[in-house]
Amino acid sequence: MFKGNFAATESISLSTDPLTLLLAKFDELSTTLDSRIEAILDKKLENEIKDFVADALANEGHQIEANKRDDNQNFAQIQQELDNIEQA
């Protein structure tokens, strides 16, 4: 097995090799890009969830209002029928 200066020389020559430096830079940029893409997708997903929840709450609010109107109409009809029975 080789020991001593050969390993150190090999390490130095590999670290200064232009292709190795280029690959290291590419890896660094790729990691940075992956992180940015992930952050953008997370933010987009967060916004989509917020929009979905807001729409669901708005729809629920409209449904509650519609149910109230129906209940009020039903109550008015029942009240009218009771009034008619009392008058008869």
PDB file of N, CA and C in Angstrom:
ATOM      1  N   MET A   1       0.825  -1.172   0.000  1.00  0.00           N
ATOM      2  CA  MET A   1       0.000   0.000   0.000  1.00  0.00           C
ATOM      3  C   MET A   1       0.875   1.243   0.000  1.00  0.00           C
ATOM      4  N   PHE A   2       0.374   2.275  -0.625  1.00  0.00           N
ATOM      5  CA  PHE A   2       1.111   3.538  -0.653  1.00  0.00           C
ATOM      6  C   PHE A   2       0.770   4.344   0.577  1.00  0.00           C
ATOM      7  N   LYS A   3       1.789   4.947   1.130  1.00  0.00           N
ATOM      8  CA  LYS A   3       1.592   5.786   2.310  1.00  0.00           C
ATOM      9  C   LYS A   3       2.396   7.054   2.137  1.00  0.00           C
ATOM     10  N   GLY A   4       2.098   7.995   2.975  1.00  0.00           N
ATOM     11  CA  GLY A   4       2.936   9.184   3.014  1.00  0.00           C
ATOM     12  C   GLY A   4       2.559  10.213   1.979  1.00  0.00           C
ATOM     13  N   ASN A   5       3.573  10.728   1.269  1.00  0.00           N
ATOM     14  CA  ASN A   5       3.398  11.864   0.379  1.00  0.00           C
ATOM     15  C   ASN A   5       2.553  11.561  -0.850  1.00  0.00           C
ATOM     16  N   PHE A   6       2.509  10.331  -1.291  1.00  0.00           N
ATOM     17  CA  PHE A   6       1.733  10.011  -2.485  1.00  0.00           C
ATOM     18  C   PHE A   6       0.263  10.356  -2.294  1.00  0.00           C
ATOM     19  N   ALA A   7      -0.287   9.969  -1.155  1.00  0.00           N
ATOM     20  CA  ALA A   7      -1.695  10.258  -0.879  1.00  0.00           C
ATOM     21  C   ALA A   7      -1.923  11.761  -0.820  1.00  0.00           C
ATOM     22  N   ALA A   8      -1.019  12.481  -0.209  1.00  0.00           N
ATOM     23  CA  ALA A   8      -1.157  13.935  -0.115  1.00  0.00           C
ATOM     24  C   ALA A   8      -1.046  14.558  -1.499  1.00  0.00           C
ATOM     25  N   THR A   9      -0.117  14.074  -2.316  1.00  0.00           N
ATOM     26  CA  THR A   9       0.054  14.598  -3.662  1.00  0.00           C
ATOM     27  C   THR A   9      -1.169  14.299  -4.510  1.00  0.00           C
ATOM     28  N   GLU A  10      -1.687  13.083  -4.384  1.00  0.00           N
ATOM     29  CA  GLU A  10      -2.878  12.708  -5.136  1.00  0.00           C
ATOM     30  C   GLU A  10      -4.048  13.597  -4.745  1.00  0.00           C
ATOM     31  N   SER A  11      -4.204  13.854  -3.460  1.00  0.00           N
ATOM     32  CA  SER A  11      -5.281  14.688  -2.962  1.00  0.00           C
ATOM     33  C   SER A  11      -5.165  16.103  -3.512  1.00  0.00           C
ATOM     34  N   ILE A  12      -3.960  16.625  -3.516  1.00  0.00           N
ATOM     35  CA  ILE A  12      -3.745  17.987  -4.014  1.00  0.00           C
ATOM     36  C   ILE A  12      -4.010  18.045  -5.508  1.00  0.00           C
ATOM     37  N   SER A  13      -3.497  17.050  -6.254  1.00  0.00           N
ATOM     38  CA  SER A  13      -3.686  17.080  -7.698  1.00  0.00           C
ATOM     39  C   SER A  13      -5.156  16.906  -8.062  1.00  0.00           C
ATOM     40  N   LEU A  14      -5.895  16.116  -7.304  1.00  0.00           N
ATOM     41  CA  LEU A  14      -7.318  15.951  -7.581  1.00  0.00           C
ATOM     42  C   LEU A  14      -8.099  17.212  -7.251  1.00  0.00           C
ATOM     43  N   SER A  15      -7.710  17.877  -6.179  1.00  0.00           N
ATOM     44  CA  SER A  15      -8.462  19.053  -5.777  1.00  0.00           C
ATOM     45  C   SER A  15      -8.196  20.243  -6.692  1.00  0.00           C
ATOM     46  N   THR A  16      -7.073  20.235  -7.408  1.00  0.00           N
ATOM     47  CA  THR A  16      -6.783  21.340  -8.317  1.00  0.00           C
ATOM     48  C   THR A  16      -7.083  20.981  -9.764  1.00  0.00           C
ATOM     49  N   ASP A  17      -7.507  19.773 -10.014  1.00  0.00           N
ATOM     50  CA  ASP A  17      -7.882  19.345 -11.353  1.00  0.00           C
ATOM     51  C   ASP A  17      -9.089  20.168 -11.804  1.00  0.00           C
ATOM     52  N   PRO A  18      -9.019  20.812 -12.976  1.00  0.00           N
ATOM     53  CA  PRO A  18     -10.133  21.661 -13.427  1.00  0.00           C
ATOM     54  C   PRO A  18     -11.465  20.915 -13.523  1.00  0.00           C
ATOM     55  N   LEU A  19     -11.424  19.688 -13.974  1.00  0.00           N
ATOM     56  CA  LEU A  19     -12.661  18.921 -14.081  1.00  0.00           C
ATOM     57  C   LEU A  19     -13.262  18.663 -12.704  1.00  0.00           C
ATOM     58  N   THR A  20     -12.407  18.331 -11.749  1.00  0.00           N
ATOM     59  CA  THR A  20     -12.875  18.095 -10.381  1.00  0.00           C
ATOM     60  C   THR A  20     -13.464  19.371  -9.800  1.00  0.00           C
ATOM     61  N   LEU A  21     -12.781  20.494 -10.024  1.00  0.00           N
ATOM     62  CA  LEU A  21     -13.293  21.780  -9.537  1.00  0.00           C
ATOM     63  C   LEU A  21     -14.631  22.117 -10.194  1.00  0.00           C
ATOM     64  N   LEU A  22     -14.716  21.848 -11.489  1.00  0.00           N
ATOM     65  CA  LEU A  22     -15.955  22.107 -12.216  1.00  0.00           C
ATOM     66  C   LEU A  22     -17.089  21.230 -11.694  1.00  0.00           C
ATOM     67  N   LEU A  23     -16.802  19.967 -11.473  1.00  0.00           N
ATOM     68  CA  LEU A  23     -17.817  19.060 -10.933  1.00  0.00           C
ATOM     69  C   LEU A  23     -18.247  19.475  -9.530  1.00  0.00           C
ATOM     70  N   ALA A  24     -17.299  19.912  -8.723  1.00  0.00           N
ATOM     71  CA  ALA A  24     -17.624  20.370  -7.370  1.00  0.00           C
ATOM     72  C   ALA A  24     -18.514  21.604  -7.429  1.00  0.00           C
ATOM     73  N   LYS A  25     -18.190  22.523  -8.334  1.00  0.00           N
ATOM     74  CA  LYS A  25     -19.002  23.737  -8.487  1.00  0.00           C
ATOM     75  C   LYS A  25     -20.396  23.371  -8.998  1.00  0.00           C
ATOM     76  N   PHE A  26     -20.454  22.459  -9.956  1.00  0.00           N
ATOM     77  CA  PHE A  26     -21.745  22.009 -10.473  1.00  0.00           C
ATOM     78  C   PHE A  26     -22.581  21.391  -9.361  1.00  0.00           C
ATOM     79  N   ASP A  27     -21.954  20.568  -8.538  1.00  0.00           N
ATOM     80  CA  ASP A  27     -22.654  19.938  -7.419  1.00  0.00           C
ATOM     81  C   ASP A  27     -23.176  20.994  -6.452  1.00  0.00           C
ATOM     82  N   GLU A  28     -22.351  21.995  -6.183  1.00  0.00           N
ATOM     83  CA  GLU A  28     -22.752  23.082  -5.279  1.00  0.00           C
ATOM     84  C   GLU A  28     -23.948  23.850  -5.858  1.00  0.00           C
ATOM     85  N   LEU A  29     -23.861  24.191  -7.142  1.00  0.00           N
ATOM     86  CA  LEU A  29     -24.957  24.914  -7.787  1.00  0.00           C
ATOM     87  C   LEU A  29     -26.218  24.064  -7.862  1.00  0.00           C
ATOM     88  N   SER A  30     -26.047  22.791  -8.121  1.00  0.00           N
ATOM     89  CA  SER A  30     -27.185  21.876  -8.182  1.00  0.00           C
ATOM     90  C   SER A  30     -27.892  21.802  -6.837  1.00  0.00           C
ATOM     91  N   THR A  31     -27.110  21.720  -5.772  1.00  0.00           N
ATOM     92  CA  THR A  31     -27.679  21.675  -4.422  1.00  0.00           C
ATOM     93  C   THR A  31     -28.417  22.974  -4.117  1.00  0.00           C
ATOM     94  N   THR A  32     -27.806  24.104  -4.488  1.00  0.00           N
ATOM     95  CA  THR A  32     -28.445  25.405  -4.275  1.00  0.00           C
ATOM     96  C   THR A  32     -29.744  25.494  -5.067  1.00  0.00           C
ATOM     97  N   LEU A  33     -29.703  25.060  -6.315  1.00  0.00           N
ATOM     98  CA  LEU A  33     -30.896  25.086  -7.156  1.00  0.00           C
ATOM     99  C   LEU A  33     -31.986  24.190  -6.584  1.00  0.00           C
ATOM    100  N   ASP A  34     -31.614  23.000  -6.145  1.00  0.00           N
ATOM    101  CA  ASP A  34     -32.584  22.095  -5.524  1.00  0.00           C
ATOM    102  C   ASP A  34     -33.239  22.748  -4.314  1.00  0.00           C
ATOM    103  N   SER A  35     -32.436  23.419  -3.506  1.00  0.00           N
ATOM    104  CA  SER A  35     -32.966  24.087  -2.314  1.00  0.00           C
ATOM    105  C   SER A  35     -33.931  25.200  -2.697  1.00  0.00           C
ATOM    106  N   ARG A  36     -33.570  25.961  -3.711  1.00  0.00           N
ATOM    107  CA  ARG A  36     -34.449  27.059  -4.156  1.00  0.00           C
ATOM    108  C   ARG A  36     -35.746  26.523  -4.741  1.00  0.00           C
ATOM    109  N   ILE A  37     -35.643  25.489  -5.549  1.00  0.00           N
ATOM    110  CA  ILE A  37     -36.849  24.882  -6.131  1.00  0.00           C
ATOM    111  C   ILE A  37     -37.747  24.357  -5.024  1.00  0.00           C
ATOM    112  N   GLU A  38     -37.162  23.688  -4.050  1.00  0.00           N
ATOM    113  CA  GLU A  38     -37.940  23.158  -2.929  1.00  0.00           C
ATOM    114  C   GLU A  38     -38.634  24.288  -2.172  1.00  0.00           C
ATOM    115  N   ALA A  39     -37.927  25.388  -1.944  1.00  0.00           N
ATOM    116  CA  ALA A  39     -38.518  26.532  -1.239  1.00  0.00           C
ATOM    117  C   ALA A  39     -39.668  27.130  -2.044  1.00  0.00           C
ATOM    118  N   ILE A  40     -39.489  27.241  -3.356  1.00  0.00           N
ATOM    119  CA  ILE A  40     -40.546  27.784  -4.217  1.00  0.00           C
ATOM    120  C   ILE A  40     -41.762  26.865  -4.202  1.00  0.00           C
ATOM    121  N   LEU A  41     -41.528  25.566  -4.324  1.00  0.00           N
ATOM    122  CA  LEU A  41     -42.643  24.616  -4.316  1.00  0.00           C
ATOM    123  C   LEU A  41     -43.353  24.603  -2.967  1.00  0.00           C
ATOM    124  N   ASP A  42     -42.578  24.697  -1.878  1.00  0.00           N
ATOM    125  CA  ASP A  42     -43.187  24.755  -0.549  1.00  0.00           C
ATOM    126  C   ASP A  42     -44.070  25.987  -0.419  1.00  0.00           C
ATOM    127  N   LYS A  43     -43.573  27.130  -0.902  1.00  0.00           N
ATOM    128  CA  LYS A  43     -44.345  28.381  -0.824  1.00  0.00           C
ATOM    129  C   LYS A  43     -45.593  28.276  -1.695  1.00  0.00           C
ATOM    130  N   LYS A  44     -45.443  27.695  -2.887  1.00  0.00           N
ATOM    131  CA  LYS A  44     -46.589  27.541  -3.784  1.00  0.00           C
ATOM    132  C   LYS A  44     -47.630  26.627  -3.145  1.00  0.00           C
ATOM    133  N   LEU A  45     -47.186  25.528  -2.566  1.00  0.00           N
ATOM    134  CA  LEU A  45     -48.106  24.608  -1.901  1.00  0.00           C
ATOM    135  C   LEU A  45     -48.797  25.302  -0.735  1.00  0.00           C
ATOM    136  N   GLU A  46     -48.031  26.069   0.029  1.00  0.00           N
ATOM    137  CA  GLU A  46     -48.603  26.803   1.162  1.00  0.00           C
ATOM    138  C   GLU A  46     -49.688  27.770   0.677  1.00  0.00           C
ATOM    139  N   ASN A  47     -49.412  28.483  -0.414  1.00  0.00           N
ATOM    140  CA  ASN A  47     -50.399  29.416  -0.966  1.00  0.00           C
ATOM    141  C   ASN A  47     -51.629  28.687  -1.492  1.00  0.00           C
ATOM    142  N   GLU A  48     -51.423  27.540  -2.138  1.00  0.00           N
ATOM    143  CA  GLU A  48     -52.556  26.762  -2.640  1.00  0.00           C
ATOM    144  C   GLU A  48     -53.420  26.260  -1.490  1.00  0.00           C
ATOM    145  N   ILE A  49     -52.787  25.839  -0.408  1.00  0.00           N
ATOM    146  CA  ILE A  49     -53.540  25.377   0.764  1.00  0.00           C
ATOM    147  C   ILE A  49     -54.331  26.534   1.359  1.00  0.00           C
ATOM    148  N   LYS A  50     -53.693  27.701   1.478  1.00  0.00           N
ATOM    149  CA  LYS A  50     -54.393  28.879   2.003  1.00  0.00           C
ATOM    150  C   LYS A  50     -55.597  29.226   1.130  1.00  0.00           C
ATOM    151  N   ASP A  51     -55.404  29.215  -0.196  1.00  0.00           N
ATOM    152  CA  ASP A  51     -56.508  29.518  -1.114  1.00  0.00           C
ATOM    153  C   ASP A  51     -57.628  28.494  -0.979  1.00  0.00           C
ATOM    154  N   PHE A  52     -57.256  27.220  -0.878  1.00  0.00           N
ATOM    155  CA  PHE A  52     -58.251  26.160  -0.741  1.00  0.00           C
ATOM    156  C   PHE A  52     -59.066  26.343   0.533  1.00  0.00           C
ATOM    157  N   VAL A  53     -58.376  26.621   1.636  1.00  0.00           N
ATOM    158  CA  VAL A  53     -59.060  26.810   2.922  1.00  0.00           C
ATOM    159  C   VAL A  53     -59.958  28.040   2.858  1.00  0.00           C
ATOM    160  N   ALA A  54     -59.461  29.123   2.273  1.00  0.00           N
ATOM    161  CA  ALA A  54     -60.270  30.342   2.153  1.00  0.00           C
ATOM    162  C   ALA A  54     -61.521  30.074   1.320  1.00  0.00           C
ATOM    163  N   ASP A  55     -61.368  29.359   0.208  1.00  0.00           N
ATOM    164  CA  ASP A  55     -62.528  29.020  -0.628  1.00  0.00           C
ATOM    165  C   ASP A  55     -63.508  28.134   0.125  1.00  0.00           C
ATOM    166  N   ALA A  56     -62.975  27.159   0.844  1.00  0.00           N
ATOM    167  CA  ALA A  56     -63.841  26.252   1.604  1.00  0.00           C
ATOM    168  C   ALA A  56     -64.609  27.016   2.678  1.00  0.00           C
ATOM    169  N   LEU A  57     -63.934  27.921   3.366  1.00  0.00           N
ATOM    170  CA  LEU A  57     -64.609  28.718   4.395  1.00  0.00           C
ATOM    171  C   LEU A  57     -65.656  29.639   3.778  1.00  0.00           C
ATOM    172  N   ALA A  58     -65.329  30.229   2.637  1.00  0.00           N
ATOM    173  CA  ALA A  58     -66.297  31.097   1.961  1.00  0.00           C
ATOM    174  C   ALA A  58     -67.520  30.291   1.534  1.00  0.00           C
ATOM    175  N   ASN A  59     -67.287  29.110   0.963  1.00  0.00           N
ATOM    176  CA  ASN A  59     -68.407  28.257   0.551  1.00  0.00           C
ATOM    177  C   ASN A  59     -69.241  27.841   1.751  1.00  0.00           C
ATOM    178  N   GLU A  60     -68.565  27.519   2.845  1.00  0.00           N
ATOM    179  CA  GLU A  60     -69.277  27.128   4.063  1.00  0.00           C
ATOM    180  C   GLU A  60     -70.107  28.297   4.578  1.00  0.00           C
ATOM    181  N   GLY A  61     -69.537  29.499   4.514  1.00  0.00           N
ATOM    182  CA  GLY A  61     -70.270  30.696   4.932  1.00  0.00           C
ATOM    183  C   GLY A  61     -71.509  30.910   4.092  1.00  0.00           C
ATOM    184  N   HIS A  62     -71.379  30.722   2.777  1.00  0.00           N
ATOM    185  CA  HIS A  62     -72.542  30.863   1.885  1.00  0.00           C
ATOM    186  C   HIS A  62     -73.588  29.798   2.196  1.00  0.00           C
ATOM    187  N   GLN A  63     -73.127  28.593   2.477  1.00  0.00           N
ATOM    188  CA  GLN A  63     -74.058  27.509   2.801  1.00  0.00           C
ATOM    189  C   GLN A  63     -74.785  27.801   4.107  1.00  0.00           C
ATOM    190  N   ILE A  64     -74.078  28.327   5.083  1.00  0.00           N
ATOM    191  CA  ILE A  64     -74.709  28.671   6.362  1.00  0.00           C
ATOM    192  C   ILE A  64     -75.775  29.740   6.145  1.00  0.00           C
ATOM    193  N   GLU A  65     -75.453  30.741   5.343  1.00  0.00           N
ATOM    194  CA  GLU A  65     -76.431  31.801   5.051  1.00  0.00           C
ATOM    195  C   GLU A  65     -77.649  31.229   4.327  1.00  0.00           C
ATOM    196  N   ALA A  66     -77.418  30.343   3.378  1.00  0.00           N
ATOM    197  CA  ALA A  66     -78.535  29.721   2.654  1.00  0.00           C
ATOM    198  C   ALA A  66     -79.393  28.899   3.613  1.00  0.00           C
ATOM    199  N   ASN A  67     -78.750  28.165   4.515  1.00  0.00           N
ATOM    200  CA  ASN A  67     -79.503  27.378   5.501  1.00  0.00           C
ATOM    201  C   ASN A  67     -80.312  28.278   6.420  1.00  0.00           C
ATOM    202  N   LYS A  68     -79.751  29.413   6.802  1.00  0.00           N
ATOM    203  CA  LYS A  68     -80.488  30.360   7.649  1.00  0.00           C
ATOM    204  C   LYS A  68     -81.730  30.876   6.926  1.00  0.00           C
ATOM    205  N   ARG A  69     -81.561  31.229   5.654  1.00  0.00           N
ATOM    206  CA  ARG A  69     -82.714  31.706   4.871  1.00  0.00           C
ATOM    207  C   ARG A  69     -83.786  30.625   4.790  1.00  0.00           C
ATOM    208  N   ASP A  70     -83.355  29.390   4.527  1.00  0.00           N
ATOM    209  CA  ASP A  70     -84.316  28.283   4.460  1.00  0.00           C
ATOM    210  C   ASP A  70     -85.016  28.095   5.798  1.00  0.00           C
ATOM    211  N   ASP A  71     -84.257  28.154   6.882  1.00  0.00           N
ATOM    212  CA  ASP A  71     -84.850  28.005   8.215  1.00  0.00           C
ATOM    213  C   ASP A  71     -85.847  29.120   8.496  1.00  0.00           C
ATOM    214  N   ASN A  72     -85.484  30.342   8.123  1.00  0.00           N
ATOM    215  CA  ASN A  72     -86.396  31.471   8.334  1.00  0.00           C
ATOM    216  C   ASN A  72     -87.672  31.313   7.514  1.00  0.00           C
ATOM    217  N   GLN A  73     -87.535  30.841   6.269  1.00  0.00           N
ATOM    218  CA  GLN A  73     -88.719  30.611   5.431  1.00  0.00           C
ATOM    219  C   GLN A  73     -89.586  29.506   6.026  1.00  0.00           C
ATOM    220  N   ASN A  74     -88.949  28.434   6.474  1.00  0.00           N
ATOM    221  CA  ASN A  74     -89.703  27.335   7.086  1.00  0.00           C
ATOM    222  C   ASN A  74     -90.404  27.807   8.354  1.00  0.00           C
ATOM    223  N   PHE A  75     -89.716  28.596   9.152  1.00  0.00           N
ATOM    224  CA  PHE A  75     -90.316  29.115  10.371  1.00  0.00           C
ATOM    225  C   PHE A  75     -91.507  30.008  10.031  1.00  0.00           C
ATOM    226  N   ALA A  76     -91.354  30.853   9.026  1.00  0.00           N
ATOM    227  CA  ALA A  76     -92.449  31.743   8.622  1.00  0.00           C
ATOM    228  C   ALA A  76     -93.646  30.930   8.137  1.00  0.00           C
ATOM    229  N   GLN A  77     -93.399  29.867   7.388  1.00  0.00           N
ATOM    230  CA  GLN A  77     -94.499  29.018   6.915  1.00  0.00           C
ATOM    231  C   GLN A  77     -95.194  28.334   8.086  1.00  0.00           C
ATOM    232  N   ILE A  78     -94.417  27.820   9.016  1.00  0.00           N
ATOM    233  CA  ILE A  78     -95.001  27.157  10.190  1.00  0.00           C
ATOM    234  C   ILE A  78     -95.797  28.165  11.006  1.00  0.00           C
ATOM    235  N   GLN A  79     -95.242  29.354  11.183  1.00  0.00           N
ATOM    236  CA  GLN A  79     -95.944  30.397  11.932  1.00  0.00           C
ATOM    237  C   GLN A  79     -97.256  30.759  11.236  1.00  0.00           C
ATOM    238  N   GLN A  80     -97.226  30.849   9.921  1.00  0.00           N
ATOM    239  CA  GLN A  80     -98.445  31.168   9.163  1.00  0.00           C
ATOM    240  C   GLN A  80     -99.480  30.060   9.321  1.00  0.00           C
ATOM    241  N   GLU A  81     -99.034  28.812   9.264  1.00  0.00           N
ATOM    242  CA  GLU A  81     -99.960  27.694   9.446  1.00  0.00           C
ATOM    243  C   GLU A  81    -100.555  27.705  10.849  1.00  0.00           C
ATOM    244  N   LEU A  82     -99.743  28.017  11.857  1.00  0.00           N
ATOM    245  CA  LEU A  82    -100.264  28.110  13.230  1.00  0.00           C
ATOM    246  C   LEU A  82    -101.276  29.241  13.354  1.00  0.00           C
ATOM    247  N   ASP A  83    -100.960  30.373  12.729  1.00  0.00           N
ATOM    248  CA  ASP A  83    -101.906  31.497  12.746  1.00  0.00           C
ATOM    249  C   ASP A  83    -103.215  31.109  12.074  1.00  0.00           C
ATOM    250  N   ASN A  84    -103.124  30.378  10.958  1.00  0.00           N
ATOM    251  CA  ASN A  84    -104.335  29.937  10.249  1.00  0.00           C
ATOM    252  C   ASN A  84    -105.147  28.981  11.120  1.00  0.00           C
ATOM    253  N   ILE A  85    -104.473  28.097  11.837  1.00  0.00           N
ATOM    254  CA  ILE A  85    -105.173  27.145  12.713  1.00  0.00           C
ATOM    255  C   ILE A  85    -105.857  27.897  13.842  1.00  0.00           C
ATOM    256  N   GLU A  86    -105.178  28.891  14.430  1.00  0.00           N
ATOM    257  CA  GLU A  86    -105.767  29.663  15.521  1.00  0.00           C
ATOM    258  C   GLU A  86    -106.982  30.451  15.050  1.00  0.00           C
ATOM    259  N   GLN A  87    -106.954  30.916  13.812  1.00  0.00           N
ATOM    260  CA  GLN A  87    -108.070  31.700  13.288  1.00  0.00           C
ATOM    261  C   GLN A  87    -109.257  30.819  12.916  1.00  0.00           C
ATOM    262  N   ALA A  88    -109.017  29.563  12.680  1.00  0.00           N
ATOM    263  CA  ALA A  88    -110.091  28.672  12.248  1.00  0.00           C
ATOM    264  C   ALA A  88    -110.970  28.214  13.369  1.00  0.00           C
TER     265      ALA A  88
END
